[in-house]
Amino acid sequence: MKKFNKKLLAAAVAAAVSISSNVYAADTGGLKIRVTDKQGQPVAGATVSAKSPESLIGKQAVSDSNGYVSLRGLDPSSQYVIDITGASIQPFEAKNVRVITDKNLNLNYAVDTGNGNNDIEKIVVSGRAVTAIDTTSSSTGLDVTLDMTESLPTGRNFQSYLQLVPGVKPSTNGNPSSKSGVNYVDIGGEAGSSSDNVYYIDGVNVTDNADGTAGGNINSEIIQEQQVLTGGIEAKYAGGAGLVSRVITKSGGNEFHGSINYYFQNDSLVGDYDNESKSKNKFSTYDTAITLGVPYY
């Protein structure tokens, strides 16, 4: 009996690891990087690494004869640092590179070669977050980032963020819908209704089977990325012909970080109606959020 229990436990652990790894793999992205010299010729044998303070996962690989490197299984983040080193290559660093869930983005870096000395000064390229293009996907939509939601007056939940996506209309049941949905219906021209939406949080389908709305909600401060697909949706999203929302939560990094936010809105911040016969609705809403991330040793 004890042997049977041990085998059963081992099988359960193996199954759990398998399921976790499948979910994890679905919530990661990648970079396809080509390293060339200043004349555009491929550089083989260059060591390329990618790491982010928002993730414990880092990747490293060596460029092939055509100068290409593929780094897969990266957590979504807009703070990746790309390092390129190698024999006869002047050390090169690119900051604020973005990785997007389920996309293999293409980047190209031209480095100085023929120096033969890696101790010389490193070239560092920085600025706003760099988002490359995924040439392997025909899907349309929008990748909603933390920078975007903090700079725009939106509701404090991932359903409200859907309305930032072109082609998505608000609805009467709090379920913003894409006009591309098979079961989409216009409501007065300014709103819409659809039962085609599919919602994922960290790879788990949280869609309400009864009405197609999101069956769960989370504090918006822990959202790392929200990927919204409205067209060219892959067959793996069964029933998602209209809109697919994939929320990825923050995974933590190797340093202390956190945030304290307070959001407030009331009727005094909204313009008066031009028509005096309509009275302005009175309202006051607020939201507070505190997050804390610590290194895992």
C-alpha atoms as a PDB file:
ATOM      1  CA  MET A   1       0.000   0.000   0.000  1.00  0.00           C
ATOM      2  CA  LYS A   2       2.838   2.363   0.830  1.00  0.00           C
ATOM      3  CA  LYS A   3       4.511   1.639  -2.499  1.00  0.00           C
ATOM      4  CA  PHE A   4       1.249   2.358  -4.299  1.00  0.00           C
ATOM      5  CA  ASN A   5       0.884   5.685  -2.477  1.00  0.00           C
ATOM      6  CA  LYS A   6       4.416   6.683  -3.373  1.00  0.00           C
ATOM      7  CA  LYS A   7       3.816   5.893  -7.027  1.00  0.00           C
ATOM      8  CA  LEU A   8       0.515   7.769  -6.946  1.00  0.00           C
ATOM      9  CA  LEU A   9       2.210  10.785  -5.359  1.00  0.00           C
ATOM     10  CA  ALA A  10       4.995  10.686  -7.942  1.00  0.00           C
ATOM     11  CA  ALA A  11       2.451  10.553 -10.760  1.00  0.00           C
ATOM     12  CA  ALA A  12       0.491  13.469  -9.274  1.00  0.00           C
ATOM     13  CA  VAL A  13       3.649  15.570  -8.928  1.00  0.00           C
ATOM     14  CA  ALA A  14       4.696  14.767 -12.497  1.00  0.00           C
ATOM     15  CA  ALA A  15       1.256  15.708 -13.793  1.00  0.00           C
ATOM     16  CA  ALA A  16       1.292  18.971 -11.832  1.00  0.00           C
ATOM     17  CA  VAL A  17       4.747  19.855 -13.166  1.00  0.00           C
ATOM     18  CA  SER A  18       3.606  19.052 -16.699  1.00  0.00           C
ATOM     19  CA  ILE A  19       0.491  21.223 -16.413  1.00  0.00           C
ATOM     20  CA  SER A  20       2.448  24.075 -14.811  1.00  0.00           C
ATOM     21  CA  SER A  21       5.109  23.961 -17.494  1.00  0.00           C
ATOM     22  CA  ASN A  22       2.475  24.039 -20.250  1.00  0.00           C
ATOM     23  CA  VAL A  23       0.735  27.052 -18.701  1.00  0.00           C
ATOM     24  CA  TYR A  24       4.077  28.746 -18.091  1.00  0.00           C
ATOM     25  CA  ALA A  25       5.245  28.195 -21.648  1.00  0.00           C
ATOM     26  CA  ALA A  26       2.011  29.701 -22.979  1.00  0.00           C
ATOM     27  CA  ASP A  27       2.595  32.893 -20.982  1.00  0.00           C
ATOM     28  CA  THR A  28       6.094  33.655 -22.216  1.00  0.00           C
ATOM     29  CA  GLY A  29       7.528  35.382 -25.272  1.00  0.00           C
ATOM     30  CA  GLY A  30      10.740  35.427 -27.241  1.00  0.00           C
ATOM     31  CA  LEU A  31      13.259  37.470 -29.193  1.00  0.00           C
ATOM     32  CA  LYS A  32      14.860  36.655 -32.526  1.00  0.00           C
ATOM     33  CA  ILE A  33      17.992  38.773 -32.729  1.00  0.00           C
ATOM     34  CA  ARG A  34      20.361  39.223 -35.654  1.00  0.00           C
ATOM     35  CA  VAL A  35      23.869  40.495 -34.995  1.00  0.00           C
ATOM     36  CA  THR A  36      25.700  42.203 -37.873  1.00  0.00           C
ATOM     37  CA  ASP A  37      28.747  44.379 -38.310  1.00  0.00           C
ATOM     38  CA  LYS A  38      28.549  48.011 -39.435  1.00  0.00           C
ATOM     39  CA  GLN A  39      28.561  46.868 -43.076  1.00  0.00           C
ATOM     40  CA  GLY A  40      25.521  44.645 -42.528  1.00  0.00           C
ATOM     41  CA  GLN A  41      27.417  41.355 -42.655  1.00  0.00           C
ATOM     42  CA  PRO A  42      26.349  38.648 -40.157  1.00  0.00           C
ATOM     43  CA  VAL A  43      28.495  38.127 -37.069  1.00  0.00           C
ATOM     44  CA  ALA A  44      28.814  34.479 -36.003  1.00  0.00           C
ATOM     45  CA  GLY A  45      29.888  33.387 -32.528  1.00  0.00           C
ATOM     46  CA  ALA A  46      28.558  36.453 -30.686  1.00  0.00           C
ATOM     47  CA  THR A  47      27.238  35.754 -27.185  1.00  0.00           C
ATOM     48  CA  VAL A  48      23.811  37.357 -26.739  1.00  0.00           C
ATOM     49  CA  SER A  49      22.029  37.485 -23.373  1.00  0.00           C
ATOM     50  CA  ALA A  50      18.703  38.930 -22.223  1.00  0.00           C
ATOM     51  CA  LYS A  51      17.684  39.735 -18.642  1.00  0.00           C
ATOM     52  CA  SER A  52      15.161  41.943 -16.864  1.00  0.00           C
ATOM     53  CA  PRO A  53      14.854  43.215 -13.268  1.00  0.00           C
ATOM     54  CA  GLU A  54      11.158  42.239 -13.473  1.00  0.00           C
ATOM     55  CA  SER A  55      11.924  38.550 -14.022  1.00  0.00           C
ATOM     56  CA  LEU A  56      14.111  35.844 -12.549  1.00  0.00           C
ATOM     57  CA  ILE A  57      14.460  34.286 -15.998  1.00  0.00           C
ATOM     58  CA  GLY A  58      17.398  35.175 -18.215  1.00  0.00           C
ATOM     59  CA  LYS A  59      18.492  33.616 -21.498  1.00  0.00           C
ATOM     60  CA  GLN A  60      21.782  33.385 -23.362  1.00  0.00           C
ATOM     61  CA  ALA A  61      22.785  31.953 -26.741  1.00  0.00           C
ATOM     62  CA  VAL A  62      25.478  32.209 -29.433  1.00  0.00           C
ATOM     63  CA  SER A  63      24.752  33.591 -32.905  1.00  0.00           C
ATOM     64  CA  ASP A  64      24.847  31.162 -35.839  1.00  0.00           C
ATOM     65  CA  SER A  65      26.598  31.561 -39.192  1.00  0.00           C
ATOM     66  CA  ASN A  66      23.870  33.983 -40.326  1.00  0.00           C
ATOM     67  CA  GLY A  67      24.153  36.064 -37.158  1.00  0.00           C
ATOM     68  CA  TYR A  68      20.825  34.872 -35.694  1.00  0.00           C
ATOM     69  CA  VAL A  69      20.017  34.081 -32.068  1.00  0.00           C
ATOM     70  CA  SER A  70      16.642  32.867 -30.710  1.00  0.00           C
ATOM     71  CA  LEU A  71      15.863  33.470 -27.043  1.00  0.00           C
ATOM     72  CA  ARG A  72      12.627  31.767 -25.989  1.00  0.00           C
ATOM     73  CA  GLY A  73      10.705  31.395 -22.717  1.00  0.00           C
ATOM     74  CA  LEU A  74      11.074  35.020 -21.552  1.00  0.00           C
ATOM     75  CA  ASP A  75       8.578  36.617 -19.161  1.00  0.00           C
ATOM     76  CA  PRO A  76       6.774  39.698 -20.557  1.00  0.00           C
ATOM     77  CA  SER A  77       8.540  42.922 -19.600  1.00  0.00           C
ATOM     78  CA  SER A  78       9.562  46.253 -21.119  1.00  0.00           C
ATOM     79  CA  GLN A  79      12.838  46.420 -19.198  1.00  0.00           C
ATOM     80  CA  TYR A  80      14.977  43.742 -20.819  1.00  0.00           C
ATOM     81  CA  VAL A  81      18.680  44.439 -21.239  1.00  0.00           C
ATOM     82  CA  ILE A  82      20.373  42.830 -24.250  1.00  0.00           C
ATOM     83  CA  ASP A  83      24.147  42.244 -23.954  1.00  0.00           C
ATOM     84  CA  ILE A  84      26.311  41.269 -26.934  1.00  0.00           C
ATOM     85  CA  THR A  85      29.922  40.212 -26.443  1.00  0.00           C
ATOM     86  CA  GLY A  86      32.492  38.050 -28.202  1.00  0.00           C
ATOM     87  CA  ALA A  87      35.961  37.877 -29.660  1.00  0.00           C
ATOM     88  CA  SER A  88      36.797  41.000 -31.691  1.00  0.00           C
ATOM     89  CA  ILE A  89      33.429  42.575 -30.744  1.00  0.00           C
ATOM     90  CA  GLN A  90      33.144  45.848 -28.893  1.00  0.00           C
ATOM     91  CA  PRO A  91      30.771  45.105 -25.952  1.00  0.00           C
ATOM     92  CA  PHE A  92      27.252  46.270 -26.775  1.00  0.00           C
ATOM     93  CA  GLU A  93      24.218  46.797 -24.517  1.00  0.00           C
ATOM     94  CA  ALA A  94      20.629  47.728 -25.416  1.00  0.00           C
ATOM     95  CA  LYS A  95      18.226  48.736 -22.638  1.00  0.00           C
ATOM     96  CA  ASN A  96      14.419  48.889 -22.364  1.00  0.00           C
ATOM     97  CA  VAL A  97      13.685  46.112 -24.851  1.00  0.00           C
ATOM     98  CA  ARG A  98      10.134  44.768 -24.663  1.00  0.00           C
ATOM     99  CA  VAL A  99       9.088  41.111 -24.702  1.00  0.00           C
ATOM    100  CA  ILE A 100       5.424  40.356 -25.404  1.00  0.00           C
ATOM    101  CA  THR A 101       3.555  37.189 -24.495  1.00  0.00           C
ATOM    102  CA  ASP A 102       3.277  34.542 -27.228  1.00  0.00           C
ATOM    103  CA  LYS A 103       5.261  36.611 -29.731  1.00  0.00           C
ATOM    104  CA  ASN A 104       8.712  36.040 -31.192  1.00  0.00           C
ATOM    105  CA  LEU A 105       9.868  39.586 -31.930  1.00  0.00           C
ATOM    106  CA  ASN A 106      12.617  40.443 -34.416  1.00  0.00           C
ATOM    107  CA  LEU A 107      15.505  42.788 -33.594  1.00  0.00           C
ATOM    108  CA  ASN A 108      18.715  43.702 -35.407  1.00  0.00           C
ATOM    109  CA  TYR A 109      21.879  45.077 -33.804  1.00  0.00           C
ATOM    110  CA  ALA A 110      24.986  46.314 -35.602  1.00  0.00           C
ATOM    111  CA  VAL A 111      28.185  46.032 -33.547  1.00  0.00           C
ATOM    112  CA  ASP A 112      31.761  47.176 -34.019  1.00  0.00           C
ATOM    113  CA  THR A 113      34.087  44.319 -34.901  1.00  0.00           C
ATOM    114  CA  GLY A 114      37.830  43.872 -35.396  1.00  0.00           C
ATOM    115  CA  ASN A 115      38.779  45.453 -32.061  1.00  0.00           C
ATOM    116  CA  GLY A 116      40.126  42.266 -30.533  1.00  0.00           C
ATOM    117  CA  ASN A 117      39.767  43.735 -27.040  1.00  0.00           C
ATOM    118  CA  ASN A 118      36.668  43.275 -24.864  1.00  0.00           C
ATOM    119  CA  ASP A 119      38.053  45.566 -22.180  1.00  0.00           C
ATOM    120  CA  ILE A 120      37.295  48.709 -24.179  1.00  0.00           C
ATOM    121  CA  GLU A 121      34.332  50.903 -23.383  1.00  0.00           C
ATOM    122  CA  LYS A 122      30.909  49.285 -23.810  1.00  0.00           C
ATOM    123  CA  ILE A 123      28.405  50.862 -26.197  1.00  0.00           C
ATOM    124  CA  VAL A 124      25.065  51.389 -24.412  1.00  0.00           C
ATOM    125  CA  VAL A 125      21.805  52.191 -26.224  1.00  0.00           C
ATOM    126  CA  SER A 126      18.880  53.312 -24.047  1.00  0.00           C
ATOM    127  CA  GLY A 127      15.664  55.306 -24.238  1.00  0.00           C
ATOM    128  CA  ARG A 128      11.968  54.533 -24.381  1.00  0.00           C
ATOM    129  CA  ALA A 129      10.903  50.891 -24.448  1.00  0.00           C
ATOM    130  CA  VAL A 130      11.702  49.317 -27.820  1.00  0.00           C
ATOM    131  CA  THR A 131       8.956  47.115 -29.282  1.00  0.00           C
ATOM    132  CA  ALA A 132       9.931  45.004 -32.269  1.00  0.00           C
ATOM    133  CA  ILE A 133       7.631  43.433 -34.867  1.00  0.00           C
ATOM    134  CA  ASP A 134       6.479  39.829 -34.939  1.00  0.00           C
ATOM    135  CA  THR A 135       6.486  38.863 -38.632  1.00  0.00           C
ATOM    136  CA  THR A 136       5.228  35.332 -37.915  1.00  0.00           C
ATOM    137  CA  SER A 137       1.752  36.282 -36.630  1.00  0.00           C
ATOM    138  CA  SER A 138      -1.305  37.641 -38.460  1.00  0.00           C
ATOM    139  CA  SER A 139      -3.272  38.384 -35.275  1.00  0.00           C
ATOM    140  CA  THR A 140      -4.538  41.917 -34.676  1.00  0.00           C
ATOM    141  CA  GLY A 141      -5.226  43.660 -31.396  1.00  0.00           C
ATOM    142  CA  LEU A 142      -3.291  45.560 -28.764  1.00  0.00           C
ATOM    143  CA  ASP A 143      -0.801  44.798 -26.005  1.00  0.00           C
ATOM    144  CA  VAL A 144      -1.940  46.855 -23.023  1.00  0.00           C
ATOM    145  CA  THR A 145       1.001  47.779 -20.797  1.00  0.00           C
ATOM    146  CA  LEU A 146       1.320  49.313 -17.346  1.00  0.00           C
ATOM    147  CA  ASP A 147       2.671  52.560 -18.823  1.00  0.00           C
ATOM    148  CA  MET A 148      -0.450  52.874 -20.975  1.00  0.00           C
ATOM    149  CA  THR A 149      -2.994  52.270 -18.202  1.00  0.00           C
ATOM    150  CA  GLU A 150      -1.258  54.651 -15.798  1.00  0.00           C
ATOM    151  CA  SER A 151      -1.266  57.498 -18.329  1.00  0.00           C
ATOM    152  CA  LEU A 152      -4.928  57.235 -19.385  1.00  0.00           C
ATOM    153  CA  PRO A 153      -8.194  57.813 -17.462  1.00  0.00           C
ATOM    154  CA  THR A 154      -9.566  54.271 -17.410  1.00  0.00           C
ATOM    155  CA  GLY A 155     -11.405  52.050 -14.957  1.00  0.00           C
ATOM    156  CA  ARG A 156      -9.238  50.100 -12.530  1.00  0.00           C
ATOM    157  CA  ASN A 157      -9.838  46.596 -13.885  1.00  0.00           C
ATOM    158  CA  PHE A 158      -8.756  44.607 -16.917  1.00  0.00           C
ATOM    159  CA  GLN A 159     -12.273  44.647 -18.423  1.00  0.00           C
ATOM    160  CA  SER A 160     -12.093  48.452 -18.647  1.00  0.00           C
ATOM    161  CA  TYR A 161      -8.725  48.217 -20.394  1.00  0.00           C
ATOM    162  CA  LEU A 162     -10.401  46.376 -23.267  1.00  0.00           C
ATOM    163  CA  GLN A 163     -11.948  49.657 -24.411  1.00  0.00           C
ATOM    164  CA  LEU A 164      -8.460  50.982 -25.208  1.00  0.00           C
ATOM    165  CA  VAL A 165      -8.346  48.555 -28.142  1.00  0.00           C
ATOM    166  CA  PRO A 166      -9.522  49.812 -31.566  1.00  0.00           C
ATOM    167  CA  GLY A 167     -12.773  48.152 -32.642  1.00  0.00           C
ATOM    168  CA  VAL A 168     -13.909  47.293 -29.111  1.00  0.00           C
ATOM    169  CA  LYS A 169     -17.153  48.866 -27.862  1.00  0.00           C
ATOM    170  CA  PRO A 170     -18.469  49.178 -24.297  1.00  0.00           C
ATOM    171  CA  SER A 171     -21.472  47.096 -23.318  1.00  0.00           C
ATOM    172  CA  THR A 172     -24.339  47.279 -20.877  1.00  0.00           C
ATOM    173  CA  ASN A 173     -23.124  44.252 -18.891  1.00  0.00           C
ATOM    174  CA  GLY A 174     -19.517  45.371 -18.356  1.00  0.00           C
ATOM    175  CA  ASN A 175     -18.249  43.054 -21.082  1.00  0.00           C
ATOM    176  CA  PRO A 176     -16.654  45.255 -23.818  1.00  0.00           C
ATOM    177  CA  SER A 177     -16.971  43.464 -27.144  1.00  0.00           C
ATOM    178  CA  SER A 178     -15.243  43.323 -30.501  1.00  0.00           C
ATOM    179  CA  LYS A 179     -17.326  43.931 -33.624  1.00  0.00           C
ATOM    180  CA  SER A 180     -15.581  40.983 -35.265  1.00  0.00           C
ATOM    181  CA  GLY A 181     -17.476  38.558 -33.025  1.00  0.00           C
ATOM    182  CA  VAL A 182     -19.864  36.118 -34.678  1.00  0.00           C
ATOM    183  CA  ASN A 183     -22.517  36.842 -32.040  1.00  0.00           C
ATOM    184  CA  TYR A 184     -21.882  40.581 -31.822  1.00  0.00           C
ATOM    185  CA  VAL A 185     -24.955  42.861 -31.707  1.00  0.00           C
ATOM    186  CA  ASP A 186     -24.955  46.669 -31.871  1.00  0.00           C
ATOM    187  CA  ILE A 187     -26.818  48.441 -29.058  1.00  0.00           C
ATOM    188  CA  GLY A 188     -27.745  51.970 -30.058  1.00  0.00           C
ATOM    189  CA  GLY A 189     -24.578  52.414 -32.135  1.00  0.00           C
ATOM    190  CA  GLU A 190     -22.437  53.388 -29.141  1.00  0.00           C
ATOM    191  CA  ALA A 191     -22.388  50.046 -27.340  1.00  0.00           C
ATOM    192  CA  GLY A 192     -22.356  46.389 -28.245  1.00  0.00           C
ATOM    193  CA  SER A 193     -22.961  42.926 -26.888  1.00  0.00           C
ATOM    194  CA  SER A 194     -21.209  39.645 -27.621  1.00  0.00           C
ATOM    195  CA  SER A 195     -20.911  36.180 -26.083  1.00  0.00           C
ATOM    196  CA  ASP A 196     -17.703  35.384 -27.989  1.00  0.00           C
ATOM    197  CA  ASN A 197     -15.204  36.808 -25.498  1.00  0.00           C
ATOM    198  CA  VAL A 198     -12.640  34.538 -23.848  1.00  0.00           C
ATOM    199  CA  TYR A 199     -10.693  35.620 -20.753  1.00  0.00           C
ATOM    200  CA  TYR A 200      -7.420  34.162 -19.451  1.00  0.00           C
ATOM    201  CA  ILE A 201      -5.481  35.028 -16.296  1.00  0.00           C
ATOM    202  CA  ASP A 202      -2.005  33.462 -16.190  1.00  0.00           C
ATOM    203  CA  GLY A 203      -3.093  30.804 -18.667  1.00  0.00           C
ATOM    204  CA  VAL A 204      -6.279  29.873 -16.794  1.00  0.00           C
ATOM    205  CA  ASN A 205      -9.592  30.351 -18.603  1.00  0.00           C
ATOM    206  CA  VAL A 206     -11.831  32.436 -16.298  1.00  0.00           C
ATOM    207  CA  THR A 207     -14.663  33.028 -18.782  1.00  0.00           C
ATOM    208  CA  ASP A 208     -18.176  32.692 -17.423  1.00  0.00           C
ATOM    209  CA  ASN A 209     -19.732  29.904 -19.493  1.00  0.00           C
ATOM    210  CA  ALA A 210     -23.234  31.309 -19.023  1.00  0.00           C
ATOM    211  CA  ASP A 211     -22.852  34.792 -20.512  1.00  0.00           C
ATOM    212  CA  GLY A 212     -19.287  35.039 -21.856  1.00  0.00           C
ATOM    213  CA  THR A 213     -18.199  37.656 -19.323  1.00  0.00           C
ATOM    214  CA  ALA A 214     -15.072  37.508 -17.175  1.00  0.00           C
ATOM    215  CA  GLY A 215     -15.743  35.103 -14.326  1.00  0.00           C
ATOM    216  CA  GLY A 216     -13.141  36.683 -12.054  1.00  0.00           C
ATOM    217  CA  ASN A 217     -11.343  39.921 -11.326  1.00  0.00           C
ATOM    218  CA  ILE A 218      -7.983  40.888  -9.835  1.00  0.00           C
ATOM    219  CA  ASN A 219      -6.268  43.995  -8.526  1.00  0.00           C
ATOM    220  CA  SER A 220      -5.028  45.871 -11.589  1.00  0.00           C
ATOM    221  CA  GLU A 221      -1.709  46.714  -9.880  1.00  0.00           C
ATOM    222  CA  ILE A 222      -0.481  43.141 -10.228  1.00  0.00           C
ATOM    223  CA  ILE A 223      -1.001  43.077 -14.007  1.00  0.00           C
ATOM    224  CA  GLN A 224       2.265  42.922 -15.934  1.00  0.00           C
ATOM    225  CA  GLU A 225       0.690  42.745 -19.377  1.00  0.00           C
ATOM    226  CA  GLN A 226      -2.712  42.336 -20.998  1.00  0.00           C
ATOM    227  CA  GLN A 227      -2.792  41.024 -24.537  1.00  0.00           C
ATOM    228  CA  VAL A 228      -6.061  41.645 -26.380  1.00  0.00           C
ATOM    229  CA  LEU A 229      -6.710  39.851 -29.683  1.00  0.00           C
ATOM    230  CA  THR A 230      -9.550  41.015 -31.937  1.00  0.00           C
ATOM    231  CA  GLY A 231      -8.722  39.476 -35.322  1.00  0.00           C
ATOM    232  CA  GLY A 232      -6.767  36.655 -36.927  1.00  0.00           C
ATOM    233  CA  ILE A 233      -7.303  34.646 -33.743  1.00  0.00           C
ATOM    234  CA  GLU A 234      -5.673  31.219 -33.675  1.00  0.00           C
ATOM    235  CA  ALA A 235      -7.777  28.061 -33.471  1.00  0.00           C
ATOM    236  CA  LYS A 236      -6.365  27.210 -30.029  1.00  0.00           C
ATOM    237  CA  TYR A 237      -8.679  29.863 -28.545  1.00  0.00           C
ATOM    238  CA  ALA A 238     -11.864  27.845 -28.947  1.00  0.00           C
ATOM    239  CA  GLY A 239     -14.947  30.056 -28.990  1.00  0.00           C
ATOM    240  CA  GLY A 240     -12.892  33.250 -29.140  1.00  0.00           C
ATOM    241  CA  ALA A 241     -13.915  34.494 -32.543  1.00  0.00           C
ATOM    242  CA  GLY A 242     -14.681  37.939 -31.161  1.00  0.00           C
ATOM    243  CA  LEU A 243     -12.169  38.898 -28.517  1.00  0.00           C
ATOM    244  CA  VAL A 244      -9.506  37.149 -26.444  1.00  0.00           C
ATOM    245  CA  SER A 245      -8.045  38.811 -23.328  1.00  0.00           C
ATOM    246  CA  ARG A 246      -4.877  37.342 -21.816  1.00  0.00           C
ATOM    247  CA  VAL A 247      -3.728  38.852 -18.512  1.00  0.00           C
ATOM    248  CA  ILE A 248      -0.245  38.058 -17.245  1.00  0.00           C
ATOM    249  CA  THR A 249       0.496  38.962 -13.619  1.00  0.00           C
ATOM    250  CA  LYS A 250       3.816  40.230 -12.322  1.00  0.00           C
ATOM    251  CA  SER A 251       6.314  37.451 -11.667  1.00  0.00           C
ATOM    252  CA  GLY A 252       8.806  39.284  -9.448  1.00  0.00           C
ATOM    253  CA  GLY A 253      12.506  39.852  -9.923  1.00  0.00           C
ATOM    254  CA  ASN A 254      15.801  39.693  -8.115  1.00  0.00           C
ATOM    255  CA  GLU A 255      15.514  43.029  -6.317  1.00  0.00           C
ATOM    256  CA  PHE A 256      13.173  44.880  -3.943  1.00  0.00           C
ATOM    257  CA  HIS A 257      10.441  46.918  -5.617  1.00  0.00           C
ATOM    258  CA  GLY A 258       6.931  48.129  -4.928  1.00  0.00           C
ATOM    259  CA  SER A 259       4.326  50.837  -5.444  1.00  0.00           C
ATOM    260  CA  ILE A 260       1.677  52.846  -3.605  1.00  0.00           C
ATOM    261  CA  ASN A 261      -1.159  54.341  -5.646  1.00  0.00           C
ATOM    262  CA  TYR A 262      -4.314  56.285  -4.929  1.00  0.00           C
ATOM    263  CA  TYR A 263      -6.920  56.918  -7.629  1.00  0.00           C
ATOM    264  CA  PHE A 264      -9.783  59.369  -7.216  1.00  0.00           C
ATOM    265  CA  GLN A 265     -12.572  60.692  -9.420  1.00  0.00           C
ATOM    266  CA  ASN A 266     -15.812  62.577  -8.760  1.00  0.00           C
ATOM    267  CA  ASP A 267     -18.418  64.613 -10.587  1.00  0.00           C
ATOM    268  CA  SER A 268     -16.497  67.892 -10.088  1.00  0.00           C
ATOM    269  CA  LEU A 269     -13.858  66.590 -12.510  1.00  0.00           C
ATOM    270  CA  VAL A 270     -16.440  66.087 -15.273  1.00  0.00           C
ATOM    271  CA  GLY A 271     -17.716  68.891 -17.493  1.00  0.00           C
ATOM    272  CA  ASP A 272     -21.287  70.149 -17.089  1.00  0.00           C
ATOM    273  CA  TYR A 273     -23.967  69.224 -19.610  1.00  0.00           C
ATOM    274  CA  ASP A 274     -24.678  71.836 -22.255  1.00  0.00           C
ATOM    275  CA  ASN A 275     -28.362  71.039 -21.967  1.00  0.00           C
ATOM    276  CA  GLU A 276     -29.551  72.666 -18.719  1.00  0.00           C
ATOM    277  CA  SER A 277     -32.529  70.343 -18.584  1.00  0.00           C
ATOM    278  CA  LYS A 278     -30.187  67.452 -17.784  1.00  0.00           C
ATOM    279  CA  SER A 279     -28.751  67.354 -14.298  1.00  0.00           C
ATOM    280  CA  LYS A 280     -25.224  66.121 -13.786  1.00  0.00           C
ATOM    281  CA  ASN A 281     -24.988  62.793 -11.962  1.00  0.00           C
ATOM    282  CA  LYS A 282     -23.272  62.953  -8.581  1.00  0.00           C
ATOM    283  CA  PHE A 283     -20.594  60.365  -7.944  1.00  0.00           C
ATOM    284  CA  SER A 284     -17.318  59.840  -6.089  1.00  0.00           C
ATOM    285  CA  THR A 285     -15.027  56.853  -6.574  1.00  0.00           C
ATOM    286  CA  TYR A 286     -11.579  56.017  -5.278  1.00  0.00           C
ATOM    287  CA  ASP A 287      -9.187  53.104  -5.326  1.00  0.00           C
ATOM    288  CA  THR A 288      -6.007  52.412  -3.373  1.00  0.00           C
ATOM    289  CA  ALA A 289      -3.345  49.812  -4.094  1.00  0.00           C
ATOM    290  CA  ILE A 290      -0.068  48.758  -2.485  1.00  0.00           C
ATOM    291  CA  THR A 291       2.335  46.238  -4.020  1.00  0.00           C
ATOM    292  CA  LEU A 292       5.640  44.821  -2.728  1.00  0.00           C
ATOM    293  CA  GLY A 293       8.093  42.507  -4.436  1.00  0.00           C
ATOM    294  CA  VAL A 294      11.117  40.949  -2.752  1.00  0.00           C
ATOM    295  CA  PRO A 295      13.986  38.819  -4.097  1.00  0.00           C
ATOM    296  CA  TYR A 296      13.622  35.047  -3.917  1.00  0.00           C
ATOM    297  CA  TYR A 297      16.704  33.233  -2.678  1.00  0.00           C
END
